[in-house]
Amino acid sequence: MLGFLRMLFLPAKKRALPPTDGRLTKQSPLVPAETVAGRSLVIVIAIMTLLAGLTAGAATLIVEASSDWRADAATEATIQLLPTKGRDIETDLEKAAEIATKTPGVLRAKIYSQSESEGLLAPWLGQGLDLQELPIPRMIVLTLSQKEHPDLAKLTMALISQFPEASLDDHHIFISRLGDMARAAAFMALVIFILVVVALGIAVASATRAAVATNHEIVDVLHLVGAADDFIASQFRQRFLSLGLRGALIGGGGALAFFALARAMASYWRATAGGNQMEALFGSFALNAGGYFLILILIISVTLLTGFLSQQIVFRHLKQLT
């Protein structure tokens, strides 16, 4: 009677009402919904996803900028003429430009003036120097067609036959180095991405083992009474899928917000000298469709990886009980 009265007048929040059918319900989940370990895992997943997203986005920007640089360099070639005694350099430049423009695939030829040629040396020699006594080569910049590739070897022979001191540079070394740099950046991004994924997997595995250890009595009892391994593992998978999705959305959204902010700041600084240099180096910091798609794939992959790892660890624990 005393026990009945205590149960009758005990507040509802303090009563312990076990499920009447002996099965897990939403009121008594196998894996607790909100725990310190769960919140910590969300933070770790968010940080790892943010780092991976920034790495993937930066690699995309570098590869895209390198492609633009190589495309620009491939559409230009440079003729250099050294001034020699007894010859009019301006007349030689006009003749060389005429020979170049008659070559199929050469669209335009721009002759650089003496002051423009000297200005190209200013970053290395400094300002205010008298360069009149130096044999500074004069340049002709050729604009090449992307559809019809000119025969530069034939053009070189035609120029040398008229001007033995002439030289033609098609920037192939520069283009090759840009390609090597882009591939190196992509490889470094891939290595960093793999390291982040490995660290994420270790964090998820540790959190899952902690959750199994915390609830090992329930897991062991359910296994002993004949509960299916798929059912037990699905409880952990669903919970960790939720945690992984939350952390991946936070981290991936942070990466997208970073690039959106960087694009806005680049537009603001575009008028300054430093902004122009940054834009020439990295572009406008605007991710293309491939960059956004890559971050979206990253969010989905992190979510699925979190659920998959938790399920496999639970399966391994259950196999040890048999």
C-alpha atoms as a PDB file:
ATOM      1  CA  MET A   1       0.000   0.000   0.000  1.00  0.00           C
ATOM      2  CA  LEU A   2       2.781   2.420   0.854  1.00  0.00           C
ATOM      3  CA  GLY A   3       4.490   1.742  -2.440  1.00  0.00           C
ATOM      4  CA  PHE A   4       1.246   2.271  -4.327  1.00  0.00           C
ATOM      5  CA  LEU A   5       0.664   5.636  -2.622  1.00  0.00           C
ATOM      6  CA  ARG A   6       4.221   6.745  -3.386  1.00  0.00           C
ATOM      7  CA  MET A   7       3.786   5.901  -7.062  1.00  0.00           C
ATOM      8  CA  LEU A   8       0.415   7.660  -7.119  1.00  0.00           C
ATOM      9  CA  PHE A   9       1.647  10.938  -5.666  1.00  0.00           C
ATOM     10  CA  LEU A  10       5.107  10.919  -7.155  1.00  0.00           C
ATOM     11  CA  PRO A  11       5.538  13.704  -9.810  1.00  0.00           C
ATOM     12  CA  ALA A  12       5.415  12.455 -13.394  1.00  0.00           C
ATOM     13  CA  LYS A  13       8.894  13.756 -14.219  1.00  0.00           C
ATOM     14  CA  LYS A  14      10.440  11.602 -11.530  1.00  0.00           C
ATOM     15  CA  ARG A  15       8.651   8.381 -12.362  1.00  0.00           C
ATOM     16  CA  ALA A  16      10.538   5.620 -14.109  1.00  0.00           C
ATOM     17  CA  LEU A  17       8.152   4.180 -16.690  1.00  0.00           C
ATOM     18  CA  PRO A  18       9.807   1.399 -18.663  1.00  0.00           C
ATOM     19  CA  PRO A  19       8.406   0.441 -22.053  1.00  0.00           C
ATOM     20  CA  THR A  20       5.514  -1.944 -21.629  1.00  0.00           C
ATOM     21  CA  ASP A  21       6.400  -4.128 -24.633  1.00  0.00           C
ATOM     22  CA  GLY A  22      10.099  -4.450 -23.892  1.00  0.00           C
ATOM     23  CA  ARG A  23      11.195  -2.751 -27.094  1.00  0.00           C
ATOM     24  CA  LEU A  24      13.208   0.427 -27.613  1.00  0.00           C
ATOM     25  CA  THR A  25      11.072   3.468 -28.295  1.00  0.00           C
ATOM     26  CA  LYS A  26      11.728   7.085 -29.138  1.00  0.00           C
ATOM     27  CA  GLN A  27      11.438   7.907 -25.412  1.00  0.00           C
ATOM     28  CA  SER A  28      14.222   5.472 -24.581  1.00  0.00           C
ATOM     29  CA  PRO A  29      16.740   5.474 -27.436  1.00  0.00           C
ATOM     30  CA  LEU A  30      19.623   3.033 -27.482  1.00  0.00           C
ATOM     31  CA  VAL A  31      22.058   5.850 -28.227  1.00  0.00           C
ATOM     32  CA  PRO A  32      21.320   9.068 -26.239  1.00  0.00           C
ATOM     33  CA  ALA A  33      20.259  11.955 -28.449  1.00  0.00           C
ATOM     34  CA  GLU A  34      22.235  14.738 -26.764  1.00  0.00           C
ATOM     35  CA  THR A  35      25.513  13.998 -25.023  1.00  0.00           C
ATOM     36  CA  VAL A  36      28.769  15.825 -24.442  1.00  0.00           C
ATOM     37  CA  ALA A  37      30.542  13.302 -26.682  1.00  0.00           C
ATOM     38  CA  GLY A  38      27.968  13.854 -29.426  1.00  0.00           C
ATOM     39  CA  ARG A  39      28.364  17.626 -29.343  1.00  0.00           C
ATOM     40  CA  SER A  40      32.135  17.265 -29.345  1.00  0.00           C
ATOM     41  CA  LEU A  41      31.942  14.984 -32.366  1.00  0.00           C
ATOM     42  CA  VAL A  42      29.818  17.536 -34.220  1.00  0.00           C
ATOM     43  CA  ILE A  43      32.464  20.195 -33.538  1.00  0.00           C
ATOM     44  CA  VAL A  44      35.268  17.904 -34.737  1.00  0.00           C
ATOM     45  CA  ILE A  45      33.360  16.953 -37.894  1.00  0.00           C
ATOM     46  CA  ALA A  46      32.584  20.625 -38.583  1.00  0.00           C
ATOM     47  CA  ILE A  47      36.250  21.608 -38.233  1.00  0.00           C
ATOM     48  CA  MET A  48      37.477  18.739 -40.399  1.00  0.00           C
ATOM     49  CA  THR A  49      34.860  19.424 -43.071  1.00  0.00           C
ATOM     50  CA  LEU A  50      35.757  23.118 -43.035  1.00  0.00           C
ATOM     51  CA  LEU A  51      39.443  22.335 -43.530  1.00  0.00           C
ATOM     52  CA  ALA A  52      38.684  19.856 -46.297  1.00  0.00           C
ATOM     53  CA  GLY A  53      36.326  22.329 -47.999  1.00  0.00           C
ATOM     54  CA  LEU A  54      38.876  25.149 -47.841  1.00  0.00           C
ATOM     55  CA  THR A  55      41.558  22.840 -49.230  1.00  0.00           C
ATOM     56  CA  ALA A  56      39.357  21.637 -52.086  1.00  0.00           C
ATOM     57  CA  GLY A  57      38.196  25.170 -52.913  1.00  0.00           C
ATOM     58  CA  ALA A  58      41.732  26.592 -52.843  1.00  0.00           C
ATOM     59  CA  ALA A  59      42.958  23.809 -55.114  1.00  0.00           C
ATOM     60  CA  THR A  60      40.094  24.524 -57.518  1.00  0.00           C
ATOM     61  CA  LEU A  61      40.974  28.231 -57.594  1.00  0.00           C
ATOM     62  CA  ILE A  62      44.670  27.554 -58.191  1.00  0.00           C
ATOM     63  CA  VAL A  63      44.025  25.042 -60.972  1.00  0.00           C
ATOM     64  CA  GLU A  64      41.530  27.385 -62.632  1.00  0.00           C
ATOM     65  CA  ALA A  65      43.905  30.365 -62.365  1.00  0.00           C
ATOM     66  CA  SER A  66      46.759  28.274 -63.753  1.00  0.00           C
ATOM     67  CA  SER A  67      44.556  27.233 -66.668  1.00  0.00           C
ATOM     68  CA  ASP A  68      43.793  30.888 -67.402  1.00  0.00           C
ATOM     69  CA  TRP A  69      47.487  31.812 -67.194  1.00  0.00           C
ATOM     70  CA  ARG A  70      48.466  29.044 -69.581  1.00  0.00           C
ATOM     71  CA  ALA A  71      45.675  29.972 -71.983  1.00  0.00           C
ATOM     72  CA  ASP A  72      46.844  33.595 -72.006  1.00  0.00           C
ATOM     73  CA  ALA A  73      50.492  32.629 -72.409  1.00  0.00           C
ATOM     74  CA  ALA A  74      49.692  30.211 -75.222  1.00  0.00           C
ATOM     75  CA  THR A  75      48.098  33.007 -77.263  1.00  0.00           C
ATOM     76  CA  GLU A  76      51.220  35.189 -77.157  1.00  0.00           C
ATOM     77  CA  ALA A  77      54.769  35.056 -78.477  1.00  0.00           C
ATOM     78  CA  THR A  78      57.606  37.550 -78.237  1.00  0.00           C
ATOM     79  CA  ILE A  79      60.173  38.666 -80.816  1.00  0.00           C
ATOM     80  CA  GLN A  80      63.331  40.300 -79.474  1.00  0.00           C
ATOM     81  CA  LEU A  81      65.685  42.409 -81.565  1.00  0.00           C
ATOM     82  CA  LEU A  82      69.039  43.649 -80.288  1.00  0.00           C
ATOM     83  CA  PRO A  83      70.121  47.094 -81.496  1.00  0.00           C
ATOM     84  CA  THR A  84      73.269  46.897 -83.665  1.00  0.00           C
ATOM     85  CA  LYS A  85      75.531  49.580 -85.064  1.00  0.00           C
ATOM     86  CA  GLY A  86      74.825  50.668 -88.595  1.00  0.00           C
ATOM     87  CA  ARG A  87      71.175  49.556 -88.506  1.00  0.00           C
ATOM     88  CA  ASP A  88      68.017  51.491 -87.755  1.00  0.00           C
ATOM     89  CA  ILE A  89      66.299  49.540 -85.000  1.00  0.00           C
ATOM     90  CA  GLU A  90      62.914  51.158 -85.661  1.00  0.00           C
ATOM     91  CA  THR A  91      63.031  50.102 -89.321  1.00  0.00           C
ATOM     92  CA  ASP A  92      64.049  46.579 -88.342  1.00  0.00           C
ATOM     93  CA  LEU A  93      61.143  46.403 -85.907  1.00  0.00           C
ATOM     94  CA  GLU A  94      58.681  47.439 -88.593  1.00  0.00           C
ATOM     95  CA  LYS A  95      60.033  44.834 -91.022  1.00  0.00           C
ATOM     96  CA  ALA A  96      60.004  42.087 -88.375  1.00  0.00           C
ATOM     97  CA  ALA A  97      56.418  42.940 -87.440  1.00  0.00           C
ATOM     98  CA  GLU A  98      55.436  42.819 -91.114  1.00  0.00           C
ATOM     99  CA  ILE A  99      57.037  39.393 -91.537  1.00  0.00           C
ATOM    100  CA  ALA A 100      55.235  38.135 -88.438  1.00  0.00           C
ATOM    101  CA  THR A 101      51.790  39.408 -89.446  1.00  0.00           C
ATOM    102  CA  LYS A 102      52.091  37.674 -92.819  1.00  0.00           C
ATOM    103  CA  THR A 103      52.491  34.337 -91.048  1.00  0.00           C
ATOM    104  CA  PRO A 104      49.210  32.359 -90.906  1.00  0.00           C
ATOM    105  CA  GLY A 105      47.918  32.178 -87.330  1.00  0.00           C
ATOM    106  CA  VAL A 106      49.452  35.494 -86.184  1.00  0.00           C
ATOM    107  CA  LEU A 107      46.663  37.986 -85.576  1.00  0.00           C
ATOM    108  CA  ARG A 108      48.525  41.102 -84.437  1.00  0.00           C
ATOM    109  CA  ALA A 109      52.032  42.382 -83.768  1.00  0.00           C
ATOM    110  CA  LYS A 110      52.623  45.168 -81.231  1.00  0.00           C
ATOM    111  CA  ILE A 111      55.974  46.955 -81.199  1.00  0.00           C
ATOM    112  CA  TYR A 112      57.138  48.077 -77.749  1.00  0.00           C
ATOM    113  CA  SER A 113      58.670  51.542 -77.654  1.00  0.00           C
ATOM    114  CA  GLN A 114      62.029  52.307 -76.070  1.00  0.00           C
ATOM    115  CA  SER A 115      60.407  53.624 -72.888  1.00  0.00           C
ATOM    116  CA  GLU A 116      58.115  50.592 -72.635  1.00  0.00           C
ATOM    117  CA  SER A 117      61.063  48.222 -73.047  1.00  0.00           C
ATOM    118  CA  GLU A 118      62.998  50.061 -70.345  1.00  0.00           C
ATOM    119  CA  GLY A 119      59.946  49.965 -68.080  1.00  0.00           C
ATOM    120  CA  LEU A 120      59.969  46.175 -68.206  1.00  0.00           C
ATOM    121  CA  LEU A 121      63.407  46.213 -66.541  1.00  0.00           C
ATOM    122  CA  ALA A 122      62.416  48.629 -63.765  1.00  0.00           C
ATOM    123  CA  PRO A 123      61.317  45.914 -61.271  1.00  0.00           C
ATOM    124  CA  TRP A 124      64.820  44.396 -61.442  1.00  0.00           C
ATOM    125  CA  LEU A 125      67.052  47.450 -62.029  1.00  0.00           C
ATOM    126  CA  GLY A 126      65.036  50.075 -60.151  1.00  0.00           C
ATOM    127  CA  GLN A 127      63.698  53.452 -61.182  1.00  0.00           C
ATOM    128  CA  GLY A 128      65.633  56.508 -62.376  1.00  0.00           C
ATOM    129  CA  LEU A 129      68.513  54.707 -64.105  1.00  0.00           C
ATOM    130  CA  ASP A 130      69.897  55.942 -67.431  1.00  0.00           C
ATOM    131  CA  LEU A 131      69.648  52.942 -69.737  1.00  0.00           C
ATOM    132  CA  GLN A 132      70.514  54.732 -72.982  1.00  0.00           C
ATOM    133  CA  GLU A 133      74.000  53.200 -73.142  1.00  0.00           C
ATOM    134  CA  LEU A 134      72.802  49.633 -72.537  1.00  0.00           C
ATOM    135  CA  PRO A 135      71.924  47.377 -75.483  1.00  0.00           C
ATOM    136  CA  ILE A 136      68.357  46.833 -74.306  1.00  0.00           C
ATOM    137  CA  PRO A 137      66.499  44.475 -76.636  1.00  0.00           C
ATOM    138  CA  ARG A 138      63.369  45.783 -78.274  1.00  0.00           C
ATOM    139  CA  MET A 139      60.296  43.589 -78.251  1.00  0.00           C
ATOM    140  CA  ILE A 140      57.405  42.768 -80.529  1.00  0.00           C
ATOM    141  CA  VAL A 141      54.475  40.997 -78.843  1.00  0.00           C
ATOM    142  CA  LEU A 142      52.539  38.692 -81.176  1.00  0.00           C
ATOM    143  CA  THR A 143      48.905  37.709 -80.603  1.00  0.00           C
ATOM    144  CA  LEU A 144      48.345  34.168 -81.830  1.00  0.00           C
ATOM    145  CA  SER A 145      45.145  32.570 -83.010  1.00  0.00           C
ATOM    146  CA  GLN A 146      43.667  29.800 -80.848  1.00  0.00           C
ATOM    147  CA  LYS A 147      42.081  28.106 -83.850  1.00  0.00           C
ATOM    148  CA  GLU A 148      44.982  28.214 -86.309  1.00  0.00           C
ATOM    149  CA  HIS A 149      48.340  27.460 -84.726  1.00  0.00           C
ATOM    150  CA  PRO A 150      51.154  29.304 -86.528  1.00  0.00           C
ATOM    151  CA  ASP A 151      54.338  27.614 -87.629  1.00  0.00           C
ATOM    152  CA  LEU A 152      56.693  29.368 -85.188  1.00  0.00           C
ATOM    153  CA  ALA A 153      59.727  27.389 -86.326  1.00  0.00           C
ATOM    154  CA  LYS A 154      59.268  28.668 -89.877  1.00  0.00           C
ATOM    155  CA  LEU A 155      58.726  32.201 -88.575  1.00  0.00           C
ATOM    156  CA  THR A 156      61.929  31.966 -86.546  1.00  0.00           C
ATOM    157  CA  MET A 157      63.932  30.952 -89.612  1.00  0.00           C
ATOM    158  CA  ALA A 158      62.418  33.829 -91.613  1.00  0.00           C
ATOM    159  CA  LEU A 159      63.354  36.340 -88.916  1.00  0.00           C
ATOM    160  CA  ILE A 160      66.898  35.037 -88.462  1.00  0.00           C
ATOM    161  CA  SER A 161      67.495  35.208 -92.205  1.00  0.00           C
ATOM    162  CA  GLN A 162      66.733  38.937 -92.096  1.00  0.00           C
ATOM    163  CA  PHE A 163      67.934  39.764 -88.574  1.00  0.00           C
ATOM    164  CA  PRO A 164      70.599  37.370 -87.230  1.00  0.00           C
ATOM    165  CA  GLU A 165      70.295  38.836 -83.732  1.00  0.00           C
ATOM    166  CA  ALA A 166      66.539  38.180 -83.558  1.00  0.00           C
ATOM    167  CA  SER A 167      64.974  35.587 -81.250  1.00  0.00           C
ATOM    168  CA  LEU A 168      61.434  34.237 -80.855  1.00  0.00           C
ATOM    169  CA  ASP A 169      60.007  33.031 -77.542  1.00  0.00           C
ATOM    170  CA  ASP A 170      56.683  31.163 -77.461  1.00  0.00           C
ATOM    171  CA  HIS A 171      56.658  30.893 -73.596  1.00  0.00           C
ATOM    172  CA  HIS A 172      56.556  27.079 -73.687  1.00  0.00           C
ATOM    173  CA  ILE A 173      58.886  26.868 -70.661  1.00  0.00           C
ATOM    174  CA  PHE A 174      56.643  29.216 -68.699  1.00  0.00           C
ATOM    175  CA  ILE A 175      53.553  27.232 -69.691  1.00  0.00           C
ATOM    176  CA  SER A 176      55.228  23.973 -68.674  1.00  0.00           C
ATOM    177  CA  ARG A 177      56.188  25.365 -65.265  1.00  0.00           C
ATOM    178  CA  LEU A 178      52.664  26.635 -64.689  1.00  0.00           C
ATOM    179  CA  GLY A 179      51.334  23.177 -65.447  1.00  0.00           C
ATOM    180  CA  ASP A 180      53.799  21.629 -63.008  1.00  0.00           C
ATOM    181  CA  MET A 181      52.782  24.136 -60.338  1.00  0.00           C
ATOM    182  CA  ALA A 182      49.080  23.396 -60.834  1.00  0.00           C
ATOM    183  CA  ARG A 183      49.673  19.657 -60.605  1.00  0.00           C
ATOM    184  CA  ALA A 184      51.793  20.102 -57.470  1.00  0.00           C
ATOM    185  CA  ALA A 185      49.058  22.223 -55.859  1.00  0.00           C
ATOM    186  CA  ALA A 186      46.423  19.644 -56.726  1.00  0.00           C
ATOM    187  CA  PHE A 187      48.609  16.849 -55.301  1.00  0.00           C
ATOM    188  CA  MET A 188      49.192  18.764 -52.057  1.00  0.00           C
ATOM    189  CA  ALA A 189      45.455  19.419 -51.776  1.00  0.00           C
ATOM    190  CA  LEU A 190      44.787  15.708 -52.285  1.00  0.00           C
ATOM    191  CA  VAL A 191      47.289  14.775 -49.558  1.00  0.00           C
ATOM    192  CA  ILE A 192      45.774  17.276 -47.116  1.00  0.00           C
ATOM    193  CA  PHE A 193      42.283  16.049 -47.976  1.00  0.00           C
ATOM    194  CA  ILE A 194      43.282  12.430 -47.316  1.00  0.00           C
ATOM    195  CA  LEU A 195      44.843  13.397 -43.971  1.00  0.00           C
ATOM    196  CA  VAL A 196      41.687  15.255 -42.965  1.00  0.00           C
ATOM    197  CA  VAL A 197      39.520  12.273 -43.905  1.00  0.00           C
ATOM    198  CA  VAL A 198      41.780   9.928 -41.919  1.00  0.00           C
ATOM    199  CA  ALA A 199      41.614  12.229 -38.881  1.00  0.00           C
ATOM    200  CA  LEU A 200      37.841  12.410 -39.276  1.00  0.00           C
ATOM    201  CA  GLY A 201      37.604   8.632 -39.409  1.00  0.00           C
ATOM    202  CA  ILE A 202      39.681   8.312 -36.238  1.00  0.00           C
ATOM    203  CA  ALA A 203      37.455  10.841 -34.444  1.00  0.00           C
ATOM    204  CA  VAL A 204      34.273   9.037 -35.512  1.00  0.00           C
ATOM    205  CA  ALA A 205      35.701   5.663 -34.532  1.00  0.00           C
ATOM    206  CA  SER A 206      36.682   6.962 -31.098  1.00  0.00           C
ATOM    207  CA  ALA A 207      33.264   8.520 -30.553  1.00  0.00           C
ATOM    208  CA  THR A 208      31.494   5.319 -31.617  1.00  0.00           C
ATOM    209  CA  ARG A 209      33.611   3.166 -29.325  1.00  0.00           C
ATOM    210  CA  ALA A 210      32.830   5.557 -26.475  1.00  0.00           C
ATOM    211  CA  ALA A 211      29.106   5.310 -27.232  1.00  0.00           C
ATOM    212  CA  VAL A 212      29.258   1.502 -27.362  1.00  0.00           C
ATOM    213  CA  ALA A 213      31.228   1.417 -24.107  1.00  0.00           C
ATOM    214  CA  THR A 214      28.699   3.706 -22.421  1.00  0.00           C
ATOM    215  CA  ASN A 215      25.770   1.550 -23.531  1.00  0.00           C
ATOM    216  CA  HIS A 216      27.519  -1.828 -23.574  1.00  0.00           C
ATOM    217  CA  GLU A 217      25.115  -3.317 -21.003  1.00  0.00           C
ATOM    218  CA  ILE A 218      22.118  -2.595 -23.221  1.00  0.00           C
ATOM    219  CA  VAL A 219      23.951  -3.746 -26.355  1.00  0.00           C
ATOM    220  CA  ASP A 220      25.078  -6.977 -24.676  1.00  0.00           C
ATOM    221  CA  VAL A 221      21.630  -7.739 -23.266  1.00  0.00           C
ATOM    222  CA  LEU A 222      19.915  -7.075 -26.579  1.00  0.00           C
ATOM    223  CA  HIS A 223      22.420  -9.320 -28.299  1.00  0.00           C
ATOM    224  CA  LEU A 224      21.915 -12.099 -25.766  1.00  0.00           C
ATOM    225  CA  VAL A 225      18.111 -12.033 -26.005  1.00  0.00           C
ATOM    226  CA  GLY A 226      18.315 -12.410 -29.773  1.00  0.00           C
ATOM    227  CA  ALA A 227      18.023  -8.858 -31.121  1.00  0.00           C
ATOM    228  CA  ALA A 228      19.250  -8.681 -34.694  1.00  0.00           C
ATOM    229  CA  ASP A 229      22.701  -7.180 -35.203  1.00  0.00           C
ATOM    230  CA  ASP A 230      21.288  -5.009 -37.983  1.00  0.00           C
ATOM    231  CA  PHE A 231      18.769  -3.491 -35.572  1.00  0.00           C
ATOM    232  CA  ILE A 232      21.405  -2.660 -32.956  1.00  0.00           C
ATOM    233  CA  ALA A 233      23.820  -1.277 -35.531  1.00  0.00           C
ATOM    234  CA  SER A 234      21.059   0.759 -37.198  1.00  0.00           C
ATOM    235  CA  GLN A 235      20.464   2.634 -33.929  1.00  0.00           C
ATOM    236  CA  PHE A 236      24.077   3.792 -33.899  1.00  0.00           C
ATOM    237  CA  ARG A 237      24.118   4.434 -37.645  1.00  0.00           C
ATOM    238  CA  GLN A 238      21.051   6.680 -37.539  1.00  0.00           C
ATOM    239  CA  ARG A 239      22.385   8.626 -34.584  1.00  0.00           C
ATOM    240  CA  PHE A 240      25.839   9.150 -36.068  1.00  0.00           C
ATOM    241  CA  LEU A 241      24.377   9.979 -39.475  1.00  0.00           C
ATOM    242  CA  SER A 242      22.523  12.808 -37.773  1.00  0.00           C
ATOM    243  CA  LEU A 243      25.664  13.989 -36.011  1.00  0.00           C
ATOM    244  CA  GLY A 244      27.718  13.716 -39.197  1.00  0.00           C
ATOM    245  CA  LEU A 245      25.156  15.620 -41.252  1.00  0.00           C
ATOM    246  CA  ARG A 246      24.994  18.406 -38.679  1.00  0.00           C
ATOM    247  CA  GLY A 247      28.773  18.776 -38.491  1.00  0.00           C
ATOM    248  CA  ALA A 248      29.233  18.484 -42.279  1.00  0.00           C
ATOM    249  CA  LEU A 249      26.615  21.155 -42.923  1.00  0.00           C
ATOM    250  CA  ILE A 250      28.270  23.510 -40.454  1.00  0.00           C
ATOM    251  CA  GLY A 251      31.759  22.913 -41.871  1.00  0.00           C
ATOM    252  CA  GLY A 252      30.719  22.922 -45.533  1.00  0.00           C
ATOM    253  CA  GLY A 253      28.572  26.008 -45.007  1.00  0.00           C
ATOM    254  CA  GLY A 254      31.518  27.714 -43.337  1.00  0.00           C
ATOM    255  CA  ALA A 255      33.736  26.929 -46.333  1.00  0.00           C
ATOM    256  CA  LEU A 256      31.149  28.336 -48.749  1.00  0.00           C
ATOM    257  CA  ALA A 257      30.740  31.425 -46.563  1.00  0.00           C
ATOM    258  CA  PHE A 258      34.518  31.913 -46.539  1.00  0.00           C
ATOM    259  CA  PHE A 259      34.773  31.878 -50.329  1.00  0.00           C
ATOM    260  CA  ALA A 260      31.737  34.147 -50.656  1.00  0.00           C
ATOM    261  CA  LEU A 261      33.343  36.612 -48.230  1.00  0.00           C
ATOM    262  CA  ALA A 262      36.698  36.323 -50.020  1.00  0.00           C
ATOM    263  CA  ARG A 263      35.001  37.077 -53.334  1.00  0.00           C
ATOM    264  CA  ALA A 264      33.288  40.135 -51.858  1.00  0.00           C
ATOM    265  CA  MET A 265      36.549  41.388 -50.336  1.00  0.00           C
ATOM    266  CA  ALA A 266      38.403  40.778 -53.610  1.00  0.00           C
ATOM    267  CA  SER A 267      35.805  42.876 -55.446  1.00  0.00           C
ATOM    268  CA  TYR A 268      36.260  45.602 -52.843  1.00  0.00           C
ATOM    269  CA  TRP A 269      40.073  45.557 -53.114  1.00  0.00           C
ATOM    270  CA  ARG A 270      40.132  45.177 -56.892  1.00  0.00           C
ATOM    271  CA  ALA A 271      40.855  48.874 -57.419  1.00  0.00           C
ATOM    272  CA  THR A 272      44.021  48.742 -55.293  1.00  0.00           C
ATOM    273  CA  ALA A 273      47.446  47.586 -56.486  1.00  0.00           C
ATOM    274  CA  GLY A 274      47.522  44.689 -54.044  1.00  0.00           C
ATOM    275  CA  GLY A 275      44.035  43.650 -55.083  1.00  0.00           C
ATOM    276  CA  ASN A 276      45.056  43.595 -58.730  1.00  0.00           C
ATOM    277  CA  GLN A 277      48.033  41.394 -57.914  1.00  0.00           C
ATOM    278  CA  MET A 278      45.906  39.006 -55.876  1.00  0.00           C
ATOM    279  CA  GLU A 279      43.358  38.809 -58.675  1.00  0.00           C
ATOM    280  CA  ALA A 280      46.105  38.142 -61.218  1.00  0.00           C
ATOM    281  CA  LEU A 281      47.454  35.365 -58.995  1.00  0.00           C
ATOM    282  CA  PHE A 282      44.275  33.663 -57.764  1.00  0.00           C
ATOM    283  CA  GLY A 283      41.549  35.128 -59.951  1.00  0.00           C
ATOM    284  CA  SER A 284      38.435  36.675 -58.454  1.00  0.00           C
ATOM    285  CA  PHE A 285      38.145  34.054 -55.658  1.00  0.00           C
ATOM    286  CA  ALA A 286      34.870  33.007 -57.303  1.00  0.00           C
ATOM    287  CA  LEU A 287      34.304  29.265 -57.184  1.00  0.00           C
ATOM    288  CA  ASN A 288      32.953  27.810 -60.374  1.00  0.00           C
ATOM    289  CA  ALA A 289      30.165  25.241 -60.499  1.00  0.00           C
ATOM    290  CA  GLY A 290      32.723  22.472 -60.066  1.00  0.00           C
ATOM    291  CA  GLY A 291      33.957  23.987 -56.797  1.00  0.00           C
ATOM    292  CA  TYR A 292      30.465  24.210 -55.312  1.00  0.00           C
ATOM    293  CA  PHE A 293      29.702  20.683 -56.480  1.00  0.00           C
ATOM    294  CA  LEU A 294      32.919  19.429 -54.882  1.00  0.00           C
ATOM    295  CA  ILE A 295      32.011  20.922 -51.500  1.00  0.00           C
ATOM    296  CA  LEU A 296      28.491  19.469 -51.797  1.00  0.00           C
ATOM    297  CA  ILE A 297      29.960  16.034 -52.498  1.00  0.00           C
ATOM    298  CA  LEU A 298      32.240  16.538 -49.496  1.00  0.00           C
ATOM    299  CA  ILE A 299      29.260  17.201 -47.185  1.00  0.00           C
ATOM    300  CA  ILE A 300      27.458  14.088 -48.412  1.00  0.00           C
ATOM    301  CA  SER A 301      30.591  11.941 -48.195  1.00  0.00           C
ATOM    302  CA  VAL A 302      31.397  13.031 -44.641  1.00  0.00           C
ATOM    303  CA  THR A 303      27.822  12.257 -43.547  1.00  0.00           C
ATOM    304  CA  LEU A 304      27.817   8.803 -45.124  1.00  0.00           C
ATOM    305  CA  LEU A 305      31.332   8.059 -43.861  1.00  0.00           C
ATOM    306  CA  THR A 306      30.286   8.888 -40.297  1.00  0.00           C
ATOM    307  CA  GLY A 307      27.296   6.545 -40.429  1.00  0.00           C
ATOM    308  CA  PHE A 308      29.250   3.765 -42.153  1.00  0.00           C
ATOM    309  CA  LEU A 309      32.147   3.819 -39.683  1.00  0.00           C
ATOM    310  CA  SER A 310      29.844   3.766 -36.666  1.00  0.00           C
ATOM    311  CA  GLN A 311      27.915   0.815 -38.077  1.00  0.00           C
ATOM    312  CA  GLN A 312      31.067  -1.188 -38.830  1.00  0.00           C
ATOM    313  CA  ILE A 313      32.460  -0.605 -35.341  1.00  0.00           C
ATOM    314  CA  VAL A 314      29.214  -1.795 -33.753  1.00  0.00           C
ATOM    315  CA  PHE A 315      29.235  -4.883 -35.974  1.00  0.00           C
ATOM    316  CA  ARG A 316      32.790  -5.634 -34.907  1.00  0.00           C
ATOM    317  CA  HIS A 317      31.811  -5.285 -31.253  1.00  0.00           C
ATOM    318  CA  LEU A 318      28.830  -7.630 -31.725  1.00  0.00           C
ATOM    319  CA  LYS A 319      31.013 -10.230 -33.438  1.00  0.00           C
ATOM    320  CA  GLN A 320      33.263 -10.262 -30.398  1.00  0.00           C
ATOM    321  CA  LEU A 321      30.254 -11.256 -28.262  1.00  0.00           C
ATOM    322  CA  THR A 322      29.572 -14.403 -30.262  1.00  0.00           C
END
